[in-house]
Amino acid sequence: MWQTEDFWQFSLAVYKEAEHPCLQLQDRYAMNVNLVLLCLFLQHRGFALSDKNLQALVSSLADTECLLQPLRTLRRQTKAFDLVAYQHLLSGELALEKRQQADLIACLNTQTLAQADGNNLYLYALSLNPAMPHQLKTILSTLQTETKFDQGQNDNKFQDLS
């Protein structure tokens, strides 16, 4: 069974080094960062998503996504004039991000995955952007490069996550 805390810790480590491309995917291409991170998490462990898996995962985000988007917009607007409110909104957004990750893992635990090489991130991007603009390909490549670890690095960087 997949564990939410393993995914959360992986996400914190990856996001720390790849925040910019993650936010580009979110803001320019409407990709959910938690699903982006899950795609990388599964690739890191050698599991490939199918179209059916991906559809189920996207559906599992419906309840929280409708709350998260307006909260994120309000938080960004508030930053310039009220730092206290900004911090409260940021805490609420983080709680919803954690809930999304828990929802993704709960959904994932109902799915059958193939243990195979696959490009889950590309599959997700293609599902939202069938024309796959060059700029999107570049961001995906950057993100994959920044989060690609050889087996030795994996063991050192994420030894408590495997």
C-alpha atoms as a PDB file:
ATOM      1  CA  MET A   1       0.000   0.000   0.000  1.00  0.00           C
ATOM      2  CA  TRP A   2       1.104   3.506  -0.797  1.00  0.00           C
ATOM      3  CA  GLN A   3       1.632   5.795   2.200  1.00  0.00           C
ATOM      4  CA  THR A   4       0.589   9.459   2.290  1.00  0.00           C
ATOM      5  CA  GLU A   5       3.527  10.458   4.493  1.00  0.00           C
ATOM      6  CA  ASP A   6       6.048   8.909   2.087  1.00  0.00           C
ATOM      7  CA  PHE A   7       4.507  10.886  -0.753  1.00  0.00           C
ATOM      8  CA  TRP A   8       4.438  14.085   1.345  1.00  0.00           C
ATOM      9  CA  GLN A   9       8.120  13.791   2.270  1.00  0.00           C
ATOM     10  CA  PHE A  10       9.084  13.040  -1.334  1.00  0.00           C
ATOM     11  CA  SER A  11       7.063  16.050  -2.465  1.00  0.00           C
ATOM     12  CA  LEU A  12       8.729  18.386   0.025  1.00  0.00           C
ATOM     13  CA  ALA A  13      12.175  17.315  -1.160  1.00  0.00           C
ATOM     14  CA  VAL A  14      11.343  17.554  -4.862  1.00  0.00           C
ATOM     15  CA  TYR A  15       9.387  20.794  -4.608  1.00  0.00           C
ATOM     16  CA  LYS A  16      12.243  22.452  -2.742  1.00  0.00           C
ATOM     17  CA  GLU A  17      14.512  21.987  -5.753  1.00  0.00           C
ATOM     18  CA  ALA A  18      11.895  22.258  -8.515  1.00  0.00           C
ATOM     19  CA  GLU A  19       9.444  24.891  -7.310  1.00  0.00           C
ATOM     20  CA  HIS A  20       9.760  27.116 -10.375  1.00  0.00           C
ATOM     21  CA  PRO A  21       8.913  24.502 -13.045  1.00  0.00           C
ATOM     22  CA  CYS A  22       6.115  23.134 -10.831  1.00  0.00           C
ATOM     23  CA  LEU A  23       4.543  26.586 -10.562  1.00  0.00           C
ATOM     24  CA  GLN A  24       4.947  27.132 -14.316  1.00  0.00           C
ATOM     25  CA  LEU A  25       3.023  23.912 -14.963  1.00  0.00           C
ATOM     26  CA  GLN A  26       0.340  25.028 -12.512  1.00  0.00           C
ATOM     27  CA  ASP A  27      -0.012  28.634 -13.649  1.00  0.00           C
ATOM     28  CA  ARG A  28       0.554  28.307 -17.407  1.00  0.00           C
ATOM     29  CA  TYR A  29      -0.872  24.864 -18.143  1.00  0.00           C
ATOM     30  CA  ALA A  30      -3.452  24.264 -15.368  1.00  0.00           C
ATOM     31  CA  MET A  31      -1.626  21.181 -14.098  1.00  0.00           C
ATOM     32  CA  ASN A  32      -2.197  20.200 -10.489  1.00  0.00           C
ATOM     33  CA  VAL A  33       1.153  20.318  -8.684  1.00  0.00           C
ATOM     34  CA  ASN A  34       0.219  17.458  -6.366  1.00  0.00           C
ATOM     35  CA  LEU A  35      -0.559  15.258  -9.356  1.00  0.00           C
ATOM     36  CA  VAL A  36       2.677  16.395 -11.024  1.00  0.00           C
ATOM     37  CA  LEU A  37       4.548  15.344  -7.894  1.00  0.00           C
ATOM     38  CA  LEU A  38       2.687  12.033  -7.757  1.00  0.00           C
ATOM     39  CA  CYS A  39       3.673  11.348 -11.369  1.00  0.00           C
ATOM     40  CA  LEU A  40       7.312  11.892 -10.394  1.00  0.00           C
ATOM     41  CA  PHE A  41       6.909   9.878  -7.168  1.00  0.00           C
ATOM     42  CA  LEU A  42       5.626   6.882  -9.117  1.00  0.00           C
ATOM     43  CA  GLN A  43       8.250   7.221 -11.856  1.00  0.00           C
ATOM     44  CA  HIS A  44      10.923   7.360  -9.169  1.00  0.00           C
ATOM     45  CA  ARG A  45       9.653   4.009  -7.918  1.00  0.00           C
ATOM     46  CA  GLY A  46       9.336   2.463 -11.375  1.00  0.00           C
ATOM     47  CA  PHE A  47       5.550   2.519 -11.792  1.00  0.00           C
ATOM     48  CA  ALA A  48       3.746   3.664 -14.919  1.00  0.00           C
ATOM     49  CA  LEU A  49       0.274   5.163 -14.941  1.00  0.00           C
ATOM     50  CA  SER A  50      -2.297   4.194 -17.537  1.00  0.00           C
ATOM     51  CA  ASP A  51      -4.867   6.591 -18.975  1.00  0.00           C
ATOM     52  CA  LYS A  52      -7.457   4.933 -16.719  1.00  0.00           C
ATOM     53  CA  ASN A  53      -5.268   5.433 -13.628  1.00  0.00           C
ATOM     54  CA  LEU A  54      -4.721   9.058 -14.546  1.00  0.00           C
ATOM     55  CA  GLN A  55      -8.447   9.705 -15.032  1.00  0.00           C
ATOM     56  CA  ALA A  56      -9.202   8.227 -11.611  1.00  0.00           C
ATOM     57  CA  LEU A  57      -6.496  10.356  -9.977  1.00  0.00           C
ATOM     58  CA  VAL A  58      -7.752  13.544 -11.633  1.00  0.00           C
ATOM     59  CA  SER A  59     -11.290  12.723 -10.479  1.00  0.00           C
ATOM     60  CA  SER A  60     -10.082  12.236  -6.914  1.00  0.00           C
ATOM     61  CA  LEU A  61      -9.033  15.903  -6.851  1.00  0.00           C
ATOM     62  CA  ALA A  62     -12.439  17.344  -7.779  1.00  0.00           C
ATOM     63  CA  ASP A  63     -13.654  18.053  -4.225  1.00  0.00           C
ATOM     64  CA  THR A  64     -10.542  19.931  -3.127  1.00  0.00           C
ATOM     65  CA  GLU A  65      -9.618  21.600  -6.416  1.00  0.00           C
ATOM     66  CA  CYS A  66     -12.769  23.728  -6.397  1.00  0.00           C
ATOM     67  CA  LEU A  67     -11.727  25.009  -2.941  1.00  0.00           C
ATOM     68  CA  LEU A  68      -8.024  25.319  -3.600  1.00  0.00           C
ATOM     69  CA  GLN A  69      -8.135  27.514  -6.704  1.00  0.00           C
ATOM     70  CA  PRO A  70     -10.077  30.443  -5.182  1.00  0.00           C
ATOM     71  CA  LEU A  71      -8.063  30.196  -1.955  1.00  0.00           C
ATOM     72  CA  ARG A  72      -4.801  30.370  -3.908  1.00  0.00           C
ATOM     73  CA  THR A  73      -6.028  33.383  -5.866  1.00  0.00           C
ATOM     74  CA  LEU A  74      -7.119  35.187  -2.695  1.00  0.00           C
ATOM     75  CA  ARG A  75      -3.815  34.381  -0.960  1.00  0.00           C
ATOM     76  CA  ARG A  76      -1.825  35.806  -3.858  1.00  0.00           C
ATOM     77  CA  GLN A  77      -3.951  38.975  -3.907  1.00  0.00           C
ATOM     78  CA  THR A  78      -3.638  39.423  -0.142  1.00  0.00           C
ATOM     79  CA  LYS A  79       0.148  39.166   0.015  1.00  0.00           C
ATOM     80  CA  ALA A  80       0.731  42.788  -1.007  1.00  0.00           C
ATOM     81  CA  PHE A  81      -1.409  44.383   1.689  1.00  0.00           C
ATOM     82  CA  ASP A  82      -2.018  42.054   4.652  1.00  0.00           C
ATOM     83  CA  LEU A  83       0.737  39.648   5.677  1.00  0.00           C
ATOM     84  CA  VAL A  84      -1.238  38.260   8.634  1.00  0.00           C
ATOM     85  CA  ALA A  85      -4.178  37.327   6.424  1.00  0.00           C
ATOM     86  CA  TYR A  86      -1.709  36.026   3.845  1.00  0.00           C
ATOM     87  CA  GLN A  87      -0.175  33.653   6.415  1.00  0.00           C
ATOM     88  CA  HIS A  88      -3.618  32.354   7.451  1.00  0.00           C
ATOM     89  CA  LEU A  89      -4.582  31.789   3.835  1.00  0.00           C
ATOM     90  CA  LEU A  90      -1.259  30.077   3.196  1.00  0.00           C
ATOM     91  CA  SER A  91      -1.904  27.722   6.136  1.00  0.00           C
ATOM     92  CA  GLY A  92      -5.334  26.904   4.739  1.00  0.00           C
ATOM     93  CA  GLU A  93      -3.878  26.291   1.305  1.00  0.00           C
ATOM     94  CA  LEU A  94      -1.223  23.988   2.727  1.00  0.00           C
ATOM     95  CA  ALA A  95      -3.895  22.005   4.597  1.00  0.00           C
ATOM     96  CA  LEU A  96      -5.810  21.559   1.334  1.00  0.00           C
ATOM     97  CA  GLU A  97      -2.590  20.512  -0.444  1.00  0.00           C
ATOM     98  CA  LYS A  98      -2.059  17.809   2.186  1.00  0.00           C
ATOM     99  CA  ARG A  99      -5.666  16.705   1.806  1.00  0.00           C
ATOM    100  CA  GLN A 100      -5.192  16.460  -1.956  1.00  0.00           C
ATOM    101  CA  GLN A 101      -2.160  14.290  -1.436  1.00  0.00           C
ATOM    102  CA  ALA A 102      -4.119  12.033   0.930  1.00  0.00           C
ATOM    103  CA  ASP A 103      -6.945  11.832  -1.624  1.00  0.00           C
ATOM    104  CA  LEU A 104      -4.477  10.945  -4.378  1.00  0.00           C
ATOM    105  CA  ILE A 105      -2.909   8.184  -2.285  1.00  0.00           C
ATOM    106  CA  ALA A 106      -6.337   6.825  -1.287  1.00  0.00           C
ATOM    107  CA  CYS A 107      -7.269   6.682  -4.971  1.00  0.00           C
ATOM    108  CA  LEU A 108      -3.912   5.192  -5.910  1.00  0.00           C
ATOM    109  CA  ASN A 109      -4.448   2.404  -3.388  1.00  0.00           C
ATOM    110  CA  THR A 110      -7.573   1.354  -5.325  1.00  0.00           C
ATOM    111  CA  GLN A 111      -5.688   1.196  -8.637  1.00  0.00           C
ATOM    112  CA  THR A 112      -3.588  -1.469 -10.272  1.00  0.00           C
ATOM    113  CA  LEU A 113      -0.320  -0.053 -11.569  1.00  0.00           C
ATOM    114  CA  ALA A 114       2.193  -1.553 -13.937  1.00  0.00           C
ATOM    115  CA  GLN A 115       5.712  -1.788 -12.636  1.00  0.00           C
ATOM    116  CA  ALA A 116       7.389  -0.461 -15.748  1.00  0.00           C
ATOM    117  CA  ASP A 117       9.239   2.485 -17.117  1.00  0.00           C
ATOM    118  CA  GLY A 118       6.890   5.200 -18.192  1.00  0.00           C
ATOM    119  CA  ASN A 119       6.683   8.924 -18.399  1.00  0.00           C
ATOM    120  CA  ASN A 120       3.757   9.660 -16.112  1.00  0.00           C
ATOM    121  CA  LEU A 121       4.390  13.381 -16.194  1.00  0.00           C
ATOM    122  CA  TYR A 122       4.285  13.490 -19.998  1.00  0.00           C
ATOM    123  CA  LEU A 123       1.074  11.414 -20.002  1.00  0.00           C
ATOM    124  CA  TYR A 124      -0.546  13.884 -17.582  1.00  0.00           C
ATOM    125  CA  ALA A 125       0.596  16.935 -19.568  1.00  0.00           C
ATOM    126  CA  LEU A 126      -0.607  15.390 -22.819  1.00  0.00           C
ATOM    127  CA  SER A 127      -4.042  14.685 -21.315  1.00  0.00           C
ATOM    128  CA  LEU A 128      -4.488  18.421 -20.628  1.00  0.00           C
ATOM    129  CA  ASN A 129      -2.563  19.830 -23.583  1.00  0.00           C
ATOM    130  CA  PRO A 130      -2.862  17.488 -26.583  1.00  0.00           C
ATOM    131  CA  ALA A 131      -0.993  19.916 -28.845  1.00  0.00           C
ATOM    132  CA  MET A 132       1.953  19.801 -26.383  1.00  0.00           C
ATOM    133  CA  PRO A 133       3.512  23.211 -27.066  1.00  0.00           C
ATOM    134  CA  HIS A 134       7.300  23.399 -27.199  1.00  0.00           C
ATOM    135  CA  GLN A 135       7.450  25.532 -24.052  1.00  0.00           C
ATOM    136  CA  LEU A 136       5.531  22.860 -22.110  1.00  0.00           C
ATOM    137  CA  LYS A 137       7.921  20.166 -23.349  1.00  0.00           C
ATOM    138  CA  THR A 138      10.821  22.316 -22.150  1.00  0.00           C
ATOM    139  CA  ILE A 139       9.314  22.741 -18.676  1.00  0.00           C
ATOM    140  CA  LEU A 140       8.628  19.001 -18.426  1.00  0.00           C
ATOM    141  CA  SER A 141      12.175  18.239 -19.482  1.00  0.00           C
ATOM    142  CA  THR A 142      13.546  20.701 -16.934  1.00  0.00           C
ATOM    143  CA  LEU A 143      11.430  19.219 -14.165  1.00  0.00           C
ATOM    144  CA  GLN A 144      12.411  15.666 -15.073  1.00  0.00           C
ATOM    145  CA  THR A 145      16.087  16.656 -15.166  1.00  0.00           C
ATOM    146  CA  GLU A 146      15.938  18.481 -11.833  1.00  0.00           C
ATOM    147  CA  THR A 147      14.248  15.519 -10.172  1.00  0.00           C
ATOM    148  CA  LYS A 148      16.032  12.665 -11.929  1.00  0.00           C
ATOM    149  CA  PHE A 149      18.183  10.666  -9.577  1.00  0.00           C
ATOM    150  CA  ASP A 150      20.291   7.685 -10.388  1.00  0.00           C
ATOM    151  CA  GLN A 151      19.840   4.698  -8.099  1.00  0.00           C
ATOM    152  CA  GLY A 152      22.768   5.641  -5.864  1.00  0.00           C
ATOM    153  CA  GLN A 153      21.460   9.173  -5.408  1.00  0.00           C
ATOM    154  CA  ASN A 154      17.955   7.840  -4.793  1.00  0.00           C
ATOM    155  CA  ASP A 155      19.135   5.692  -1.967  1.00  0.00           C
ATOM    156  CA  ASN A 156      20.987   8.555  -0.313  1.00  0.00           C
ATOM    157  CA  LYS A 157      18.448  11.308  -0.857  1.00  0.00           C
ATOM    158  CA  PHE A 158      15.279   9.352  -0.161  1.00  0.00           C
ATOM    159  CA  GLN A 159      16.479   6.437   1.909  1.00  0.00           C
ATOM    160  CA  ASP A 160      13.648   6.766   4.400  1.00  0.00           C
ATOM    161  CA  LEU A 161      11.029   6.937   1.649  1.00  0.00           C
ATOM    162  CA  SER A 162      11.508   3.652  -0.166  1.00  0.00           C
END
